């Protein structure tokens, strides 16, 4: 029920209410913790989101890739770059073509100073842009890709993405 409130943009206070009520009733599951974590993540309450995703880890048998992805980006936002890298690498192994995972992983690899591991990721992102596989469905904008290449001092790639955007 709380998932419906959150996903369909009904009353977000009701979402939080139902999720916390389920937790108090002992009806904890990966879905409860994941949706509550996502609730906090969307509101940029990263520490609270991290607590939820850590609880979600207790139900690792039931998790989906989206759960690991949300946990990984929350770890990143909280400054746990190495742990985020591990989680996002796990996601990348399962979904190597996901633009969202590629982008998040590349960004994380920048902050862990792992340029060698980032190279194939950056190549794949540029290839996708070159093939006109746009990322709007995963909410990754061309500007974000340009910024990512700029962080890696890949100025030629910045220009290529910029020209593709036109």
C-alpha atoms as a PDB file:
ATOM      1  CA  UNK A   1       0.000   0.000   0.000  1.00  0.00           C
ATOM      2  CA  UNK A   2       2.794   2.450   0.917  1.00  0.00           C
ATOM      3  CA  UNK A   3       4.526   1.636  -2.359  1.00  0.00           C
ATOM      4  CA  UNK A   4       1.421   2.809  -4.218  1.00  0.00           C
ATOM      5  CA  UNK A   5       1.397   6.104  -2.354  1.00  0.00           C
ATOM      6  CA  UNK A   6       5.045   6.702  -3.216  1.00  0.00           C
ATOM      7  CA  UNK A   7       5.068   5.565  -6.845  1.00  0.00           C
ATOM      8  CA  UNK A   8       1.802   7.236  -7.822  1.00  0.00           C
ATOM      9  CA  UNK A   9       2.680  10.492  -6.056  1.00  0.00           C
ATOM     10  CA  UNK A  10      -0.228  10.426  -3.653  1.00  0.00           C
ATOM     11  CA  UNK A  11       0.258  11.685  -0.142  1.00  0.00           C
ATOM     12  CA  UNK A  12       3.913  11.021   0.694  1.00  0.00           C
ATOM     13  CA  UNK A  13       3.183  11.365   4.403  1.00  0.00           C
ATOM     14  CA  UNK A  14       0.862   8.373   4.064  1.00  0.00           C
ATOM     15  CA  UNK A  15       3.640   6.449   2.343  1.00  0.00           C
ATOM     16  CA  UNK A  16       5.999   7.034   5.231  1.00  0.00           C
ATOM     17  CA  UNK A  17       3.207   6.337   7.734  1.00  0.00           C
ATOM     18  CA  UNK A  18       2.355   2.932   6.249  1.00  0.00           C
ATOM     19  CA  UNK A  19       5.976   1.899   5.899  1.00  0.00           C
ATOM     20  CA  UNK A  20       6.873   2.778   9.485  1.00  0.00           C
ATOM     21  CA  UNK A  21       3.683   1.084  10.685  1.00  0.00           C
ATOM     22  CA  UNK A  22       4.663  -2.109   8.853  1.00  0.00           C
ATOM     23  CA  UNK A  23       8.121  -1.984  10.456  1.00  0.00           C
ATOM     24  CA  UNK A  24       6.624  -1.530  13.933  1.00  0.00           C
ATOM     25  CA  UNK A  25       4.290  -4.480  13.282  1.00  0.00           C
ATOM     26  CA  UNK A  26       7.292  -6.640  12.440  1.00  0.00           C
ATOM     27  CA  UNK A  27       6.293  -6.922   8.772  1.00  0.00           C
ATOM     28  CA  UNK A  28       9.745  -6.071   7.510  1.00  0.00           C
ATOM     29  CA  UNK A  29      10.833  -7.080   4.041  1.00  0.00           C
ATOM     30  CA  UNK A  30      13.132  -5.955   1.283  1.00  0.00           C
ATOM     31  CA  UNK A  31      10.221  -4.022  -0.264  1.00  0.00           C
ATOM     32  CA  UNK A  32       9.418  -2.138   2.925  1.00  0.00           C
ATOM     33  CA  UNK A  33      13.014  -1.072   3.515  1.00  0.00           C
ATOM     34  CA  UNK A  34      13.695  -0.358  -0.166  1.00  0.00           C
ATOM     35  CA  UNK A  35      10.631   1.866  -0.629  1.00  0.00           C
ATOM     36  CA  UNK A  36      11.330   3.716   2.630  1.00  0.00           C
ATOM     37  CA  UNK A  37      14.968   4.138   1.578  1.00  0.00           C
ATOM     38  CA  UNK A  38      13.840   5.426  -1.809  1.00  0.00           C
ATOM     39  CA  UNK A  39      11.437   7.790  -0.027  1.00  0.00           C
ATOM     40  CA  UNK A  40      14.362   9.344   1.874  1.00  0.00           C
ATOM     41  CA  UNK A  41      16.700   9.217  -1.125  1.00  0.00           C
ATOM     42  CA  UNK A  42      14.281  11.251  -3.252  1.00  0.00           C
ATOM     43  CA  UNK A  43      14.133  13.829  -0.474  1.00  0.00           C
ATOM     44  CA  UNK A  44      17.948  13.940  -0.195  1.00  0.00           C
ATOM     45  CA  UNK A  45      17.922  12.569   3.342  1.00  0.00           C
ATOM     46  CA  UNK A  46      20.877  10.353   2.580  1.00  0.00           C
ATOM     47  CA  UNK A  47      21.746   9.201   6.101  1.00  0.00           C
ATOM     48  CA  UNK A  48      18.182   8.017   6.717  1.00  0.00           C
ATOM     49  CA  UNK A  49      18.124   6.364   3.289  1.00  0.00           C
ATOM     50  CA  UNK A  50      21.400   4.624   4.104  1.00  0.00           C
ATOM     51  CA  UNK A  51      19.949   3.233   7.334  1.00  0.00           C
ATOM     52  CA  UNK A  52      17.005   1.798   5.382  1.00  0.00           C
ATOM     53  CA  UNK A  53      19.184   0.225   2.715  1.00  0.00           C
ATOM     54  CA  UNK A  54      21.406  -1.302   5.388  1.00  0.00           C
ATOM     55  CA  UNK A  55      18.315  -2.893   6.905  1.00  0.00           C
ATOM     56  CA  UNK A  56      17.299  -4.024   3.423  1.00  0.00           C
ATOM     57  CA  UNK A  57      20.605  -5.926   3.136  1.00  0.00           C
ATOM     58  CA  UNK A  58      19.335  -8.357   5.776  1.00  0.00           C
ATOM     59  CA  UNK A  59      16.909  -9.624   3.135  1.00  0.00           C
ATOM     60  CA  UNK A  60      19.542 -10.146   0.440  1.00  0.00           C
ATOM     61  CA  UNK A  61      17.765 -13.198  -1.018  1.00  0.00           C
ATOM     62  CA  UNK A  62      14.804 -11.040  -2.051  1.00  0.00           C
ATOM     63  CA  UNK A  63      16.678  -8.048  -3.508  1.00  0.00           C
ATOM     64  CA  UNK A  64      16.534  -6.866  -7.089  1.00  0.00           C
ATOM     65  CA  UNK A  65      19.130  -4.912  -9.035  1.00  0.00           C
ATOM     66  CA  UNK A  66      17.273  -1.630  -8.445  1.00  0.00           C
ATOM     67  CA  UNK A  67      17.681  -2.192  -4.715  1.00  0.00           C
ATOM     68  CA  UNK A  68      21.457  -2.565  -5.043  1.00  0.00           C
ATOM     69  CA  UNK A  69      21.601   0.460  -7.355  1.00  0.00           C
ATOM     70  CA  UNK A  70      19.731   2.677  -4.886  1.00  0.00           C
ATOM     71  CA  UNK A  71      21.932   1.429  -2.065  1.00  0.00           C
ATOM     72  CA  UNK A  72      25.055   2.096  -4.148  1.00  0.00           C
ATOM     73  CA  UNK A  73      24.152   5.667  -5.008  1.00  0.00           C
ATOM     74  CA  UNK A  74      23.160   6.329  -1.401  1.00  0.00           C
ATOM     75  CA  UNK A  75      26.576   5.080  -0.256  1.00  0.00           C
ATOM     76  CA  UNK A  76      28.090   7.438  -2.831  1.00  0.00           C
ATOM     77  CA  UNK A  77      26.087  10.438  -1.601  1.00  0.00           C
ATOM     78  CA  UNK A  78      27.158   9.631   1.964  1.00  0.00           C
ATOM     79  CA  UNK A  79      30.816   9.633   0.913  1.00  0.00           C
ATOM     80  CA  UNK A  80      31.443   5.887   1.155  1.00  0.00           C
ATOM     81  CA  UNK A  81      33.000   5.729  -2.304  1.00  0.00           C
ATOM     82  CA  UNK A  82      34.732   2.340  -2.011  1.00  0.00           C
ATOM     83  CA  UNK A  83      31.598   0.629  -0.710  1.00  0.00           C
ATOM     84  CA  UNK A  84      29.549   2.373  -3.395  1.00  0.00           C
ATOM     85  CA  UNK A  85      31.994   1.130  -6.016  1.00  0.00           C
ATOM     86  CA  UNK A  86      31.570  -2.463  -4.829  1.00  0.00           C
ATOM     87  CA  UNK A  87      27.786  -2.209  -4.938  1.00  0.00           C
ATOM     88  CA  UNK A  88      27.712  -0.509  -8.346  1.00  0.00           C
ATOM     89  CA  UNK A  89      30.179  -3.037  -9.777  1.00  0.00           C
ATOM     90  CA  UNK A  90      27.786  -5.754  -8.648  1.00  0.00           C
ATOM     91  CA  UNK A  91      24.998  -3.950 -10.509  1.00  0.00           C
ATOM     92  CA  UNK A  92      27.189  -3.520 -13.587  1.00  0.00           C
ATOM     93  CA  UNK A  93      27.878  -7.262 -13.697  1.00  0.00           C
ATOM     94  CA  UNK A  94      24.131  -7.915 -13.788  1.00  0.00           C
ATOM     95  CA  UNK A  95      23.142  -5.058 -16.143  1.00  0.00           C
ATOM     96  CA  UNK A  96      26.183  -3.986 -18.190  1.00  0.00           C
ATOM     97  CA  UNK A  97      24.082  -1.975 -20.672  1.00  0.00           C
ATOM     98  CA  UNK A  98      22.161   0.172 -18.172  1.00  0.00           C
ATOM     99  CA  UNK A  99      23.049   3.817 -18.768  1.00  0.00           C
ATOM    100  CA  UNK A 100      22.152   4.709 -15.191  1.00  0.00           C
ATOM    101  CA  UNK A 101      24.491   2.088 -13.769  1.00  0.00           C
ATOM    102  CA  UNK A 102      27.253   3.001 -16.230  1.00  0.00           C
ATOM    103  CA  UNK A 103      26.996   6.664 -15.325  1.00  0.00           C
ATOM    104  CA  UNK A 104      26.871   6.123 -11.542  1.00  0.00           C
ATOM    105  CA  UNK A 105      29.737   3.641 -11.653  1.00  0.00           C
ATOM    106  CA  UNK A 106      31.912   5.936 -13.775  1.00  0.00           C
ATOM    107  CA  UNK A 107      31.275   8.825 -11.404  1.00  0.00           C
ATOM    108  CA  UNK A 108      32.127   6.629  -8.437  1.00  0.00           C
ATOM    109  CA  UNK A 109      35.311   5.409 -10.132  1.00  0.00           C
ATOM    110  CA  UNK A 110      36.400   9.019 -10.534  1.00  0.00           C
ATOM    111  CA  UNK A 111      36.137   9.552  -6.785  1.00  0.00           C
ATOM    112  CA  UNK A 112      38.035   6.333  -6.058  1.00  0.00           C
ATOM    113  CA  UNK A 113      40.798   7.370  -8.485  1.00  0.00           C
ATOM    114  CA  UNK A 114      40.282   4.236 -10.549  1.00  0.00           C
ATOM    115  CA  UNK A 115      40.707   5.672 -14.037  1.00  0.00           C
ATOM    116  CA  UNK A 116      41.893   2.376 -15.532  1.00  0.00           C
ATOM    117  CA  UNK A 117      38.681   0.610 -14.518  1.00  0.00           C
ATOM    118  CA  UNK A 118      36.644   3.617 -15.684  1.00  0.00           C
ATOM    119  CA  UNK A 119      38.029   3.570 -19.248  1.00  0.00           C
ATOM    120  CA  UNK A 120      35.770   0.817 -20.636  1.00  0.00           C
ATOM    121  CA  UNK A 121      32.784   2.376 -18.872  1.00  0.00           C
ATOM    122  CA  UNK A 122      33.513   5.770 -20.428  1.00  0.00           C
ATOM    123  CA  UNK A 123      33.984   4.094 -23.813  1.00  0.00           C
ATOM    124  CA  UNK A 124      30.638   2.340 -23.515  1.00  0.00           C
ATOM    125  CA  UNK A 125      28.864   5.581 -22.602  1.00  0.00           C
ATOM    126  CA  UNK A 126      30.380   7.371 -25.580  1.00  0.00           C
ATOM    127  CA  UNK A 127      29.471   4.474 -27.856  1.00  0.00           C
ATOM    128  CA  UNK A 128      25.860   4.643 -26.700  1.00  0.00           C
ATOM    129  CA  UNK A 129      25.753   8.369 -27.414  1.00  0.00           C
ATOM    130  CA  UNK A 130      27.323   7.768 -30.828  1.00  0.00           C
ATOM    131  CA  UNK A 131      24.683   5.188 -31.643  1.00  0.00           C
ATOM    132  CA  UNK A 132      21.978   7.682 -30.697  1.00  0.00           C
ATOM    133  CA  UNK A 133      20.811   5.654 -27.733  1.00  0.00           C
ATOM    134  CA  UNK A 134      19.531   8.525 -25.676  1.00  0.00           C
ATOM    135  CA  UNK A 135      19.305   8.315 -21.922  1.00  0.00           C
ATOM    136  CA  UNK A 136      16.199  10.300 -21.155  1.00  0.00           C
ATOM    137  CA  UNK A 137      14.372   7.165 -20.079  1.00  0.00           C
ATOM    138  CA  UNK A 138      16.973   6.698 -17.351  1.00  0.00           C
ATOM    139  CA  UNK A 139      17.109  10.420 -16.551  1.00  0.00           C
ATOM    140  CA  UNK A 140      20.683  10.880 -17.660  1.00  0.00           C
ATOM    141  CA  UNK A 141      21.136  14.036 -19.648  1.00  0.00           C
ATOM    142  CA  UNK A 142      23.790  14.891 -22.166  1.00  0.00           C
ATOM    143  CA  UNK A 143      24.972  17.653 -19.828  1.00  0.00           C
ATOM    144  CA  UNK A 144      25.671  15.053 -17.159  1.00  0.00           C
ATOM    145  CA  UNK A 145      27.732  13.012 -19.603  1.00  0.00           C
ATOM    146  CA  UNK A 146      29.691  16.105 -20.598  1.00  0.00           C
ATOM    147  CA  UNK A 147      30.351  16.849 -16.917  1.00  0.00           C
ATOM    148  CA  UNK A 148      31.454  13.258 -16.349  1.00  0.00           C
ATOM    149  CA  UNK A 149      33.973  13.357 -19.195  1.00  0.00           C
ATOM    150  CA  UNK A 150      35.183  16.730 -17.947  1.00  0.00           C
ATOM    151  CA  UNK A 151      35.858  15.236 -14.500  1.00  0.00           C
ATOM    152  CA  UNK A 152      38.019  12.588 -16.154  1.00  0.00           C
ATOM    153  CA  UNK A 153      39.745  15.283 -18.228  1.00  0.00           C
ATOM    154  CA  UNK A 154      38.432  13.605 -21.368  1.00  0.00           C
ATOM    155  CA  UNK A 155      37.902  16.870 -23.220  1.00  0.00           C
ATOM    156  CA  UNK A 156      37.612  15.317 -26.684  1.00  0.00           C
ATOM    157  CA  UNK A 157      34.735  13.186 -25.438  1.00  0.00           C
ATOM    158  CA  UNK A 158      33.076  16.281 -23.952  1.00  0.00           C
ATOM    159  CA  UNK A 159      33.109  17.849 -27.394  1.00  0.00           C
ATOM    160  CA  UNK A 160      31.768  14.703 -29.072  1.00  0.00           C
ATOM    161  CA  UNK A 161      28.821  14.499 -26.689  1.00  0.00           C
ATOM    162  CA  UNK A 162      28.190  18.222 -27.024  1.00  0.00           C
ATOM    163  CA  UNK A 163      28.132  17.957 -30.819  1.00  0.00           C
ATOM    164  CA  UNK A 164      25.822  14.938 -30.616  1.00  0.00           C
ATOM    165  CA  UNK A 165      23.408  16.922 -28.450  1.00  0.00           C
ATOM    166  CA  UNK A 166      22.850  19.483 -31.194  1.00  0.00           C
END
